[in-house]
N, C-alpha and C. Protein backbone atom coordinates (compact mmCIF):
# COMPACT_ATOMS: atom_id res chain seq x y z
N UNK A 1 135.05 7.04 175.31
CA UNK A 1 135.82 8.12 174.72
C UNK A 1 135.50 8.28 173.24
N UNK A 2 135.05 7.23 172.59
CA UNK A 2 134.68 7.34 171.19
C UNK A 2 135.85 7.19 170.23
N UNK A 3 137.06 7.05 170.73
CA UNK A 3 138.23 6.91 169.87
C UNK A 3 138.73 5.47 169.98
N UNK A 4 139.06 4.89 168.85
CA UNK A 4 139.53 3.52 168.84
C UNK A 4 140.83 3.39 169.62
N UNK A 5 141.06 2.20 170.16
CA UNK A 5 142.25 1.95 170.98
C UNK A 5 143.53 2.21 170.20
N UNK A 6 143.59 1.77 168.96
CA UNK A 6 144.79 1.97 168.15
C UNK A 6 145.04 3.46 167.90
N UNK A 7 143.98 4.21 167.71
CA UNK A 7 144.13 5.65 167.49
C UNK A 7 144.67 6.33 168.75
N UNK A 8 144.17 5.91 169.93
CA UNK A 8 144.68 6.47 171.19
C UNK A 8 146.15 6.15 171.37
N UNK A 9 146.53 4.90 171.10
CA UNK A 9 147.94 4.51 171.23
C UNK A 9 148.81 5.29 170.25
N UNK A 10 148.31 5.52 169.04
CA UNK A 10 149.06 6.31 168.06
C UNK A 10 149.24 7.74 168.56
N UNK A 11 148.19 8.34 169.12
CA UNK A 11 148.29 9.70 169.64
C UNK A 11 149.30 9.78 170.79
N UNK A 12 149.26 8.81 171.69
CA UNK A 12 150.21 8.79 172.80
C UNK A 12 151.63 8.64 172.28
N UNK A 13 151.82 7.78 171.29
CA UNK A 13 153.14 7.60 170.70
C UNK A 13 153.65 8.87 170.04
N UNK A 14 152.78 9.57 169.33
CA UNK A 14 153.18 10.84 168.70
C UNK A 14 153.53 11.89 169.75
N UNK A 15 152.75 11.95 170.82
CA UNK A 15 153.02 12.91 171.89
C UNK A 15 154.37 12.60 172.55
N UNK A 16 154.64 11.32 172.82
CA UNK A 16 155.91 10.94 173.41
C UNK A 16 157.08 11.27 172.49
N UNK A 17 156.91 11.05 171.19
CA UNK A 17 157.95 11.39 170.22
C UNK A 17 158.18 12.90 170.19
N UNK A 18 157.12 13.68 170.24
CA UNK A 18 157.25 15.14 170.22
C UNK A 18 157.99 15.63 171.46
N UNK A 19 157.68 15.06 172.63
CA UNK A 19 158.36 15.47 173.86
C UNK A 19 159.83 15.12 173.79
N UNK A 20 160.16 13.92 173.29
CA UNK A 20 161.57 13.53 173.15
C UNK A 20 162.31 14.46 172.19
N UNK A 21 161.65 14.82 171.08
CA UNK A 21 162.29 15.72 170.12
C UNK A 21 162.54 17.09 170.75
N UNK A 22 161.57 17.57 171.57
CA UNK A 22 161.76 18.84 172.27
C UNK A 22 162.95 18.75 173.23
N UNK A 23 163.05 17.65 173.95
CA UNK A 23 164.14 17.47 174.90
C UNK A 23 165.51 17.47 174.22
N UNK A 24 165.57 16.86 173.03
CA UNK A 24 166.85 16.76 172.32
C UNK A 24 167.16 18.06 171.57
N UNK A 25 166.17 18.68 170.95
CA UNK A 25 166.40 19.82 170.07
C UNK A 25 166.58 21.15 170.82
N UNK A 26 165.86 21.35 171.91
CA UNK A 26 165.92 22.64 172.61
C UNK A 26 167.15 22.70 173.52
N UNK A 27 167.72 23.91 173.69
CA UNK A 27 168.90 24.07 174.56
C UNK A 27 168.52 23.94 176.04
N UNK A 28 169.54 23.68 176.86
CA UNK A 28 169.33 23.62 178.32
C UNK A 28 168.76 24.95 178.81
N UNK A 29 167.84 24.86 179.75
CA UNK A 29 167.26 26.05 180.34
C UNK A 29 166.07 26.60 179.58
N UNK A 30 165.75 26.07 178.42
CA UNK A 30 164.58 26.54 177.66
C UNK A 30 163.32 26.21 178.47
N UNK A 31 162.36 27.17 178.56
CA UNK A 31 161.17 26.94 179.40
C UNK A 31 160.35 25.71 178.98
N UNK A 32 160.23 25.45 177.70
CA UNK A 32 159.45 24.29 177.24
C UNK A 32 160.15 22.99 177.62
N UNK A 33 161.46 22.99 177.54
CA UNK A 33 162.23 21.80 177.92
C UNK A 33 162.13 21.59 179.43
N UNK A 34 162.19 22.66 180.20
CA UNK A 34 162.07 22.55 181.66
C UNK A 34 160.67 22.08 182.06
N UNK A 35 159.65 22.54 181.33
CA UNK A 35 158.27 22.16 181.64
C UNK A 35 158.01 20.68 181.38
N UNK A 36 158.80 20.07 180.51
CA UNK A 36 158.61 18.65 180.18
C UNK A 36 159.67 17.76 180.84
N UNK A 37 160.30 18.23 181.90
CA UNK A 37 161.19 17.37 182.66
C UNK A 37 162.63 17.81 182.68
N UNK A 38 163.07 18.58 181.76
CA UNK A 38 164.42 19.08 181.77
C UNK A 38 165.45 18.20 181.10
N UNK A 39 165.32 16.90 181.17
CA UNK A 39 166.28 15.99 180.55
C UNK A 39 165.54 14.86 179.84
N UNK A 40 166.11 14.36 178.74
CA UNK A 40 165.44 13.29 177.99
C UNK A 40 165.58 11.91 178.62
N UNK A 41 166.46 11.75 179.63
CA UNK A 41 166.71 10.43 180.21
C UNK A 41 165.47 9.76 180.75
N UNK A 42 164.65 10.51 181.50
CA UNK A 42 163.43 9.93 182.06
C UNK A 42 162.46 9.51 180.96
N UNK A 43 162.35 10.32 179.94
CA UNK A 43 161.45 9.99 178.83
C UNK A 43 161.95 8.76 178.05
N UNK A 44 163.27 8.67 177.89
CA UNK A 44 163.82 7.49 177.21
C UNK A 44 163.60 6.23 178.02
N UNK A 45 163.72 6.34 179.35
CA UNK A 45 163.44 5.20 180.22
C UNK A 45 161.98 4.78 180.12
N UNK A 46 161.08 5.75 180.12
CA UNK A 46 159.66 5.46 179.97
C UNK A 46 159.38 4.79 178.63
N UNK A 47 159.99 5.30 177.58
CA UNK A 47 159.82 4.70 176.25
C UNK A 47 160.35 3.28 176.22
N UNK A 48 161.51 3.04 176.82
CA UNK A 48 162.09 1.70 176.86
C UNK A 48 161.23 0.72 177.62
N UNK A 49 160.70 1.14 178.78
CA UNK A 49 159.82 0.28 179.57
C UNK A 49 158.53 -0.04 178.81
N UNK A 50 157.98 0.96 178.16
CA UNK A 50 156.75 0.76 177.38
C UNK A 50 157.00 -0.20 176.23
N UNK A 51 158.10 -0.03 175.52
CA UNK A 51 158.43 -0.92 174.40
C UNK A 51 158.66 -2.34 174.88
N UNK A 52 159.32 -2.49 176.02
CA UNK A 52 159.56 -3.83 176.58
C UNK A 52 158.24 -4.49 176.97
N UNK A 53 157.36 -3.74 177.62
CA UNK A 53 156.05 -4.29 178.00
C UNK A 53 155.23 -4.68 176.80
N UNK A 54 155.24 -3.85 175.76
CA UNK A 54 154.48 -4.16 174.54
C UNK A 54 155.05 -5.41 173.86
N UNK A 55 156.37 -5.52 173.78
CA UNK A 55 157.00 -6.70 173.15
C UNK A 55 156.67 -7.96 173.94
N UNK A 56 156.71 -7.87 175.26
CA UNK A 56 156.38 -9.02 176.11
C UNK A 56 154.93 -9.44 175.89
N UNK A 57 154.02 -8.49 175.81
CA UNK A 57 152.60 -8.78 175.58
C UNK A 57 152.40 -9.45 174.23
N UNK A 58 153.11 -8.98 173.20
CA UNK A 58 153.00 -9.58 171.86
C UNK A 58 153.49 -11.03 171.86
N UNK A 59 154.61 -11.27 172.55
CA UNK A 59 155.15 -12.63 172.62
C UNK A 59 154.17 -13.55 173.35
N UNK A 60 153.62 -13.10 174.47
CA UNK A 60 152.64 -13.92 175.20
C UNK A 60 151.41 -14.21 174.35
N UNK A 61 150.95 -13.22 173.61
CA UNK A 61 149.77 -13.41 172.76
C UNK A 61 150.03 -14.48 171.70
N UNK A 62 151.21 -14.46 171.10
CA UNK A 62 151.55 -15.46 170.09
C UNK A 62 151.68 -16.85 170.69
N UNK A 63 152.29 -16.94 171.87
CA UNK A 63 152.45 -18.24 172.52
C UNK A 63 151.09 -18.82 172.90
N UNK A 64 150.21 -17.98 173.43
CA UNK A 64 148.86 -18.45 173.78
C UNK A 64 148.09 -18.91 172.56
N UNK A 65 148.20 -18.16 171.47
CA UNK A 65 147.51 -18.55 170.23
C UNK A 65 148.04 -19.88 169.72
N UNK A 66 149.35 -20.07 169.78
CA UNK A 66 149.94 -21.33 169.32
C UNK A 66 149.52 -22.49 170.22
N UNK A 67 149.49 -22.27 171.54
CA UNK A 67 149.08 -23.31 172.48
C UNK A 67 147.62 -23.68 172.28
N UNK A 68 146.77 -22.69 172.02
CA UNK A 68 145.36 -22.97 171.80
C UNK A 68 145.14 -23.74 170.50
N UNK A 69 145.97 -23.46 169.49
CA UNK A 69 145.82 -24.13 168.20
C UNK A 69 146.34 -25.56 168.23
N UNK A 70 147.26 -25.87 169.14
CA UNK A 70 147.86 -27.20 169.19
C UNK A 70 146.84 -28.25 169.56
N UNK A 71 146.13 -28.06 170.64
CA UNK A 71 145.17 -29.05 171.11
C UNK A 71 143.85 -28.39 171.45
N UNK A 72 142.90 -28.53 170.56
CA UNK A 72 141.56 -28.11 170.89
C UNK A 72 140.73 -29.37 170.99
N UNK A 73 140.04 -29.56 172.09
CA UNK A 73 139.28 -30.79 172.26
C UNK A 73 138.14 -30.87 171.26
N UNK A 74 137.72 -32.09 170.92
CA UNK A 74 136.59 -32.22 170.01
C UNK A 74 135.34 -31.61 170.62
N UNK A 75 134.48 -31.07 169.78
CA UNK A 75 133.28 -30.43 170.31
C UNK A 75 132.35 -31.46 170.97
N UNK A 76 131.69 -31.03 172.01
CA UNK A 76 130.73 -31.88 172.70
C UNK A 76 129.38 -31.74 171.99
N UNK A 77 128.75 -32.88 171.75
CA UNK A 77 127.45 -32.84 171.08
C UNK A 77 126.42 -32.23 172.01
N UNK A 78 125.49 -31.52 171.41
CA UNK A 78 124.40 -30.97 172.20
C UNK A 78 123.09 -31.38 171.53
N UNK A 79 122.00 -31.05 172.16
CA UNK A 79 120.71 -31.42 171.61
C UNK A 79 120.14 -32.65 172.29
N UNK A 80 119.18 -33.27 171.62
CA UNK A 80 118.49 -34.41 172.19
C UNK A 80 119.41 -35.62 172.32
N UNK A 81 119.10 -36.47 173.29
CA UNK A 81 119.86 -37.70 173.47
C UNK A 81 119.48 -38.70 172.39
N UNK A 82 120.48 -39.42 171.89
CA UNK A 82 120.23 -40.45 170.88
C UNK A 82 119.73 -41.74 171.52
N UNK A 83 119.32 -42.70 170.69
CA UNK A 83 118.80 -43.97 171.19
C UNK A 83 119.83 -44.72 172.03
N UNK A 84 121.09 -44.73 171.56
CA UNK A 84 122.13 -45.43 172.32
C UNK A 84 122.35 -44.77 173.67
N UNK A 85 122.32 -43.42 173.70
CA UNK A 85 122.50 -42.71 174.97
C UNK A 85 121.32 -42.97 175.91
N UNK A 86 120.13 -42.99 175.38
CA UNK A 86 118.96 -43.26 176.22
C UNK A 86 119.08 -44.66 176.82
N UNK A 87 119.52 -45.63 176.02
CA UNK A 87 119.70 -46.98 176.53
C UNK A 87 120.82 -47.03 177.57
N UNK A 88 121.94 -46.39 177.28
CA UNK A 88 123.10 -46.42 178.19
C UNK A 88 122.80 -45.73 179.51
N UNK A 89 122.13 -44.59 179.48
CA UNK A 89 121.92 -43.79 180.68
C UNK A 89 120.49 -43.89 181.21
N UNK A 90 119.80 -44.99 180.92
CA UNK A 90 118.40 -45.16 181.31
C UNK A 90 118.20 -45.00 182.82
N UNK A 91 119.14 -45.51 183.61
CA UNK A 91 118.99 -45.40 185.08
C UNK A 91 119.08 -43.95 185.54
N UNK A 92 119.94 -43.17 184.92
CA UNK A 92 120.03 -41.74 185.27
C UNK A 92 118.75 -41.02 184.85
N UNK A 93 118.32 -41.31 183.64
CA UNK A 93 117.15 -40.62 183.09
C UNK A 93 115.91 -40.92 183.91
N UNK A 94 115.84 -42.14 184.45
CA UNK A 94 114.68 -42.53 185.26
C UNK A 94 114.65 -41.81 186.60
N UNK A 95 115.78 -41.34 187.06
CA UNK A 95 115.82 -40.62 188.34
C UNK A 95 115.21 -39.23 188.18
N UNK A 96 114.30 -38.90 189.06
CA UNK A 96 113.64 -37.60 189.00
C UNK A 96 114.64 -36.46 189.15
N UNK A 97 115.70 -36.66 189.96
CA UNK A 97 116.68 -35.61 190.21
C UNK A 97 117.59 -35.34 189.01
N UNK A 98 117.72 -36.30 188.10
CA UNK A 98 118.59 -36.12 186.93
C UNK A 98 117.75 -35.98 185.67
N UNK A 99 117.07 -37.01 185.28
CA UNK A 99 116.21 -36.97 184.10
C UNK A 99 116.98 -36.71 182.81
N UNK A 100 116.27 -36.51 181.73
CA UNK A 100 116.88 -36.27 180.42
C UNK A 100 117.64 -34.96 180.37
N UNK A 101 117.08 -33.91 181.00
CA UNK A 101 117.75 -32.61 180.99
C UNK A 101 119.08 -32.67 181.74
N UNK A 102 119.10 -33.36 182.87
CA UNK A 102 120.32 -33.51 183.64
C UNK A 102 121.37 -34.31 182.89
N UNK A 103 120.94 -35.34 182.17
CA UNK A 103 121.89 -36.16 181.40
C UNK A 103 122.47 -35.34 180.25
N UNK A 104 121.67 -34.48 179.64
CA UNK A 104 122.20 -33.60 178.59
C UNK A 104 123.23 -32.63 179.17
N UNK A 105 122.96 -32.12 180.38
CA UNK A 105 123.94 -31.23 181.02
C UNK A 105 125.23 -31.97 181.35
N UNK A 106 125.13 -33.23 181.76
CA UNK A 106 126.34 -34.03 181.98
C UNK A 106 127.12 -34.19 180.69
N UNK A 107 126.42 -34.44 179.59
CA UNK A 107 127.09 -34.63 178.30
C UNK A 107 127.78 -33.34 177.85
N UNK A 108 127.26 -32.19 178.22
CA UNK A 108 127.85 -30.91 177.83
C UNK A 108 128.89 -30.41 178.83
N UNK A 109 129.08 -31.13 179.93
CA UNK A 109 130.01 -30.70 180.98
C UNK A 109 131.45 -31.05 180.63
N UNK A 110 132.37 -30.33 181.24
CA UNK A 110 133.81 -30.61 181.13
C UNK A 110 134.36 -30.70 182.54
N UNK A 111 135.13 -31.77 182.80
CA UNK A 111 135.70 -32.00 184.12
C UNK A 111 137.19 -32.25 183.98
N UNK A 112 137.98 -31.58 184.80
CA UNK A 112 139.42 -31.79 184.83
C UNK A 112 139.77 -32.53 186.11
N UNK A 113 140.43 -33.67 185.97
CA UNK A 113 140.87 -34.46 187.11
C UNK A 113 142.38 -34.29 187.24
N UNK A 114 142.82 -33.84 188.39
CA UNK A 114 144.25 -33.65 188.62
C UNK A 114 144.78 -34.91 189.29
N UNK A 115 145.50 -35.71 188.51
CA UNK A 115 146.08 -36.96 189.00
C UNK A 115 145.25 -38.16 188.59
N UNK A 116 145.92 -39.14 188.00
CA UNK A 116 145.26 -40.40 187.63
C UNK A 116 145.72 -41.49 188.57
N UNK A 117 145.80 -41.17 189.86
CA UNK A 117 146.28 -42.10 190.86
C UNK A 117 145.15 -42.76 191.62
N UNK A 118 145.35 -42.94 192.92
CA UNK A 118 144.40 -43.68 193.75
C UNK A 118 143.01 -43.07 193.80
N UNK A 119 142.90 -41.74 193.79
CA UNK A 119 141.59 -41.09 193.80
C UNK A 119 141.13 -40.71 192.39
N UNK A 120 142.07 -40.24 191.57
CA UNK A 120 141.72 -39.80 190.23
C UNK A 120 141.28 -40.92 189.32
N UNK A 121 141.89 -42.11 189.48
CA UNK A 121 141.58 -43.24 188.60
C UNK A 121 140.11 -43.65 188.68
N UNK A 122 139.57 -43.95 189.87
CA UNK A 122 138.15 -44.31 189.91
C UNK A 122 137.23 -43.13 189.56
N UNK A 123 137.67 -41.92 189.89
CA UNK A 123 136.85 -40.75 189.55
C UNK A 123 136.70 -40.64 188.04
N UNK A 124 137.79 -40.85 187.30
CA UNK A 124 137.72 -40.80 185.83
C UNK A 124 136.76 -41.86 185.29
N UNK A 125 136.86 -43.07 185.83
CA UNK A 125 135.98 -44.14 185.36
C UNK A 125 134.51 -43.82 185.63
N UNK A 126 134.21 -43.32 186.83
CA UNK A 126 132.83 -42.99 187.15
C UNK A 126 132.31 -41.81 186.34
N UNK A 127 133.14 -40.82 186.11
CA UNK A 127 132.72 -39.67 185.31
C UNK A 127 132.45 -40.08 183.87
N UNK A 128 133.32 -40.95 183.31
CA UNK A 128 133.11 -41.43 181.95
C UNK A 128 131.84 -42.27 181.87
N UNK A 129 131.65 -43.15 182.85
CA UNK A 129 130.46 -44.00 182.85
C UNK A 129 129.18 -43.18 183.01
N UNK A 130 129.26 -42.07 183.74
CA UNK A 130 128.09 -41.22 183.95
C UNK A 130 127.74 -40.41 182.71
N UNK A 131 128.68 -40.31 181.75
CA UNK A 131 128.40 -39.60 180.51
C UNK A 131 128.88 -38.17 180.47
N UNK A 132 129.85 -37.81 181.29
CA UNK A 132 130.42 -36.46 181.21
C UNK A 132 131.03 -36.30 179.83
N UNK A 133 130.73 -35.20 179.16
CA UNK A 133 131.11 -35.03 177.75
C UNK A 133 132.59 -34.87 177.49
N UNK A 134 133.30 -34.12 178.34
CA UNK A 134 134.74 -33.90 178.14
C UNK A 134 135.46 -34.18 179.44
N UNK A 135 136.45 -35.04 179.38
CA UNK A 135 137.27 -35.33 180.54
C UNK A 135 138.71 -34.96 180.24
N UNK A 136 139.34 -34.32 181.18
CA UNK A 136 140.76 -34.01 181.07
C UNK A 136 141.46 -34.53 182.30
N UNK A 137 142.73 -34.88 182.14
CA UNK A 137 143.51 -35.35 183.28
C UNK A 137 144.91 -34.78 183.18
N UNK A 138 145.42 -34.34 184.31
CA UNK A 138 146.80 -33.87 184.40
C UNK A 138 147.54 -34.82 185.32
N UNK A 139 148.56 -35.45 184.80
CA UNK A 139 149.42 -36.32 185.62
C UNK A 139 150.72 -36.53 184.87
N UNK A 140 151.84 -36.04 185.39
CA UNK A 140 153.11 -36.15 184.67
C UNK A 140 153.80 -37.50 184.84
N UNK A 141 153.23 -38.40 185.65
CA UNK A 141 153.90 -39.66 185.98
C UNK A 141 153.59 -40.77 184.99
N UNK A 142 154.37 -41.85 185.10
CA UNK A 142 154.15 -43.06 184.32
C UNK A 142 153.61 -44.15 185.24
N UNK A 143 152.94 -45.13 184.64
CA UNK A 143 152.36 -46.24 185.40
C UNK A 143 153.49 -47.13 185.90
N UNK A 144 153.45 -47.47 187.19
CA UNK A 144 154.42 -48.38 187.80
C UNK A 144 153.68 -49.58 188.35
N UNK A 145 154.40 -50.66 188.58
CA UNK A 145 153.80 -51.90 189.09
C UNK A 145 153.10 -51.64 190.42
N UNK A 146 153.70 -50.82 191.27
CA UNK A 146 153.11 -50.56 192.58
C UNK A 146 151.80 -49.77 192.50
N UNK A 147 151.50 -49.18 191.34
CA UNK A 147 150.25 -48.43 191.17
C UNK A 147 149.04 -49.34 190.96
N UNK A 148 149.26 -50.53 190.43
CA UNK A 148 148.16 -51.35 189.93
C UNK A 148 147.19 -51.79 191.02
N UNK A 149 147.64 -51.98 192.26
CA UNK A 149 146.73 -52.50 193.27
C UNK A 149 145.73 -51.48 193.75
N UNK A 150 145.96 -50.18 193.51
CA UNK A 150 145.00 -49.18 193.99
C UNK A 150 144.52 -48.23 192.90
N UNK A 151 145.20 -48.19 191.78
CA UNK A 151 144.82 -47.28 190.70
C UNK A 151 144.14 -48.10 189.60
N UNK A 152 142.84 -48.29 189.77
CA UNK A 152 142.09 -49.30 189.01
C UNK A 152 141.93 -48.98 187.53
N UNK A 153 142.31 -47.82 187.10
CA UNK A 153 142.16 -47.47 185.68
C UNK A 153 143.30 -48.05 184.84
N UNK A 154 144.43 -48.40 185.47
CA UNK A 154 145.60 -48.89 184.76
C UNK A 154 145.65 -50.41 184.77
N UNK A 155 146.28 -51.00 183.74
CA UNK A 155 146.42 -52.45 183.63
C UNK A 155 147.91 -52.81 183.59
N UNK A 156 148.19 -54.09 183.67
CA UNK A 156 149.59 -54.55 183.64
C UNK A 156 150.28 -54.14 182.34
N UNK A 157 149.55 -54.12 181.25
CA UNK A 157 150.13 -53.75 179.95
C UNK A 157 150.53 -52.28 179.90
N UNK A 158 150.03 -51.49 180.83
CA UNK A 158 150.29 -50.05 180.83
C UNK A 158 151.56 -49.66 181.58
N UNK A 159 152.23 -50.60 182.20
CA UNK A 159 153.44 -50.28 182.98
C UNK A 159 154.46 -49.61 182.05
N UNK A 160 154.94 -48.45 182.50
CA UNK A 160 155.91 -47.67 181.72
C UNK A 160 155.27 -46.62 180.82
N UNK A 161 153.98 -46.69 180.61
CA UNK A 161 153.28 -45.69 179.79
C UNK A 161 152.90 -44.49 180.65
N UNK A 162 152.75 -43.31 180.04
CA UNK A 162 152.24 -42.16 180.81
C UNK A 162 150.83 -42.45 181.33
N UNK A 163 150.57 -42.04 182.55
CA UNK A 163 149.26 -42.30 183.16
C UNK A 163 148.13 -41.66 182.37
N UNK A 164 148.37 -40.50 181.77
CA UNK A 164 147.29 -39.85 181.03
C UNK A 164 146.88 -40.67 179.82
N UNK A 165 147.84 -41.31 179.15
CA UNK A 165 147.51 -42.14 177.99
C UNK A 165 146.78 -43.41 178.43
N UNK A 166 147.24 -44.02 179.50
CA UNK A 166 146.57 -45.20 180.03
C UNK A 166 145.14 -44.87 180.43
N UNK A 167 144.96 -43.74 181.11
CA UNK A 167 143.62 -43.32 181.54
C UNK A 167 142.73 -43.01 180.33
N UNK A 168 143.29 -42.37 179.32
CA UNK A 168 142.52 -42.03 178.12
C UNK A 168 142.05 -43.30 177.42
N UNK A 169 142.90 -44.32 177.34
CA UNK A 169 142.51 -45.59 176.72
C UNK A 169 141.40 -46.27 177.51
N UNK A 170 141.50 -46.24 178.83
CA UNK A 170 140.48 -46.88 179.66
C UNK A 170 139.14 -46.15 179.53
N UNK A 171 139.18 -44.83 179.49
CA UNK A 171 137.95 -44.05 179.32
C UNK A 171 137.32 -44.33 177.96
N UNK A 172 138.17 -44.41 176.92
CA UNK A 172 137.66 -44.70 175.57
C UNK A 172 137.04 -46.08 175.51
N UNK A 173 137.62 -47.04 176.19
CA UNK A 173 137.07 -48.40 176.20
C UNK A 173 135.74 -48.45 176.94
N UNK A 174 135.61 -47.65 178.00
CA UNK A 174 134.39 -47.65 178.80
C UNK A 174 133.26 -46.89 178.13
N UNK A 175 133.57 -45.73 177.56
CA UNK A 175 132.54 -44.88 176.96
C UNK A 175 133.14 -44.15 175.76
N UNK A 176 133.11 -44.75 174.57
CA UNK A 176 133.76 -44.15 173.39
C UNK A 176 133.31 -42.73 173.05
N UNK A 177 132.04 -42.34 173.21
CA UNK A 177 131.67 -40.96 172.85
C UNK A 177 132.28 -39.89 173.75
N UNK A 178 132.79 -40.27 174.91
CA UNK A 178 133.34 -39.29 175.84
C UNK A 178 134.61 -38.70 175.25
N UNK A 179 134.62 -37.39 175.06
CA UNK A 179 135.80 -36.71 174.51
C UNK A 179 136.86 -36.61 175.59
N UNK A 180 138.09 -36.99 175.23
CA UNK A 180 139.18 -36.95 176.19
C UNK A 180 140.19 -35.92 175.78
N UNK A 181 140.64 -35.15 176.73
CA UNK A 181 141.70 -34.18 176.48
C UNK A 181 142.94 -34.68 177.19
N UNK A 182 143.97 -35.02 176.42
CA UNK A 182 145.23 -35.50 176.99
C UNK A 182 146.01 -34.30 177.49
N UNK A 183 145.96 -34.09 178.78
CA UNK A 183 146.59 -32.91 179.37
C UNK A 183 147.84 -33.33 180.12
N UNK A 184 148.74 -33.97 179.43
CA UNK A 184 149.96 -34.46 180.08
C UNK A 184 150.97 -33.33 180.21
N UNK A 185 150.54 -32.27 180.85
CA UNK A 185 151.40 -31.09 180.99
C UNK A 185 152.49 -31.35 182.01
N UNK A 186 153.67 -30.78 181.79
CA UNK A 186 154.71 -30.88 182.81
C UNK A 186 154.22 -30.25 184.11
N UNK A 187 154.85 -30.56 185.22
CA UNK A 187 154.33 -30.10 186.51
C UNK A 187 154.52 -28.63 186.79
N UNK A 188 154.82 -27.81 185.80
CA UNK A 188 154.98 -26.38 186.05
C UNK A 188 153.62 -25.70 185.87
N UNK A 189 153.32 -24.76 186.72
CA UNK A 189 151.99 -24.16 186.80
C UNK A 189 151.55 -23.52 185.50
N UNK A 190 152.45 -22.80 184.82
CA UNK A 190 152.00 -22.09 183.62
C UNK A 190 151.58 -23.06 182.52
N UNK A 191 152.21 -24.25 182.43
CA UNK A 191 151.80 -25.24 181.44
C UNK A 191 150.44 -25.83 181.81
N UNK A 192 150.21 -26.00 183.10
CA UNK A 192 148.92 -26.54 183.53
C UNK A 192 147.80 -25.56 183.22
N UNK A 193 148.06 -24.28 183.41
CA UNK A 193 147.02 -23.29 183.11
C UNK A 193 146.65 -23.32 181.64
N UNK A 194 147.64 -23.45 180.78
CA UNK A 194 147.37 -23.53 179.35
C UNK A 194 146.58 -24.80 179.04
N UNK A 195 146.91 -25.89 179.70
CA UNK A 195 146.20 -27.15 179.49
C UNK A 195 144.76 -27.04 179.93
N UNK A 196 144.52 -26.38 181.03
CA UNK A 196 143.15 -26.21 181.53
C UNK A 196 142.33 -25.39 180.54
N UNK A 197 142.92 -24.35 179.96
CA UNK A 197 142.19 -23.54 178.97
C UNK A 197 141.78 -24.38 177.77
N UNK A 198 142.60 -25.36 177.39
CA UNK A 198 142.26 -26.21 176.25
C UNK A 198 141.06 -27.09 176.52
N UNK A 199 140.82 -27.41 177.80
CA UNK A 199 139.69 -28.27 178.14
C UNK A 199 138.42 -27.47 177.96
C-alpha cells in the first residue's frame, strides 16, 4: 500500500471519530446518519472492543519484553574448536559421521529437556558430555530421596533442592563451557512457552 502502519491506523481512527461525531451531531432521520448505521451504539461498541484489544496487545508486548530481559542465556561460541575442545571431543571428531563440522554444530545447538527425572537426568548428562552448547530443563519438582536410585544426575546433598538447580550444577561439573538455562517455570503452559523462548 505504500503507507506506514501508524499512518493507516491514524486514518482509521480519524474516520471512526468522524463517523461518531456525525452520529451524535446529526438529528434522527438524517440521510448521512442513516447511511452510517443510524445509531452511535454500534460504533461505540466497535470503538470499545478495538481499544480493549489494543490495550491487551500493549500489555502482552510489555510482559514479553520484560520476560525476555529477565533471563537471556549466555551466547554460544561459534567458530573453530579450541585445543581443549579438540581434546575433549576427539572421539566425536574422529568419527566420519560427526567430524569437526558436526561437533561445531553440536556446540551451537540448543536442547530443551522437559523433566529432570528418570529419562531427563541421563539425557542431560549425555547431552552435556557430547558438547551441546545450550541446555535447558523444565521441572517444577524438588529432589526427593526416592529419586536418587533412578535419577542419576542428582546426589544425596541435593535432597530438597529444585531439580533444575541440581541438574544445572551436575551439568556444570561435567562440562563447564556448556551454557545452562535454568527454566524452572511453574507448570502452567504460558510460563513454559516464555521459558522456551529464552532458550
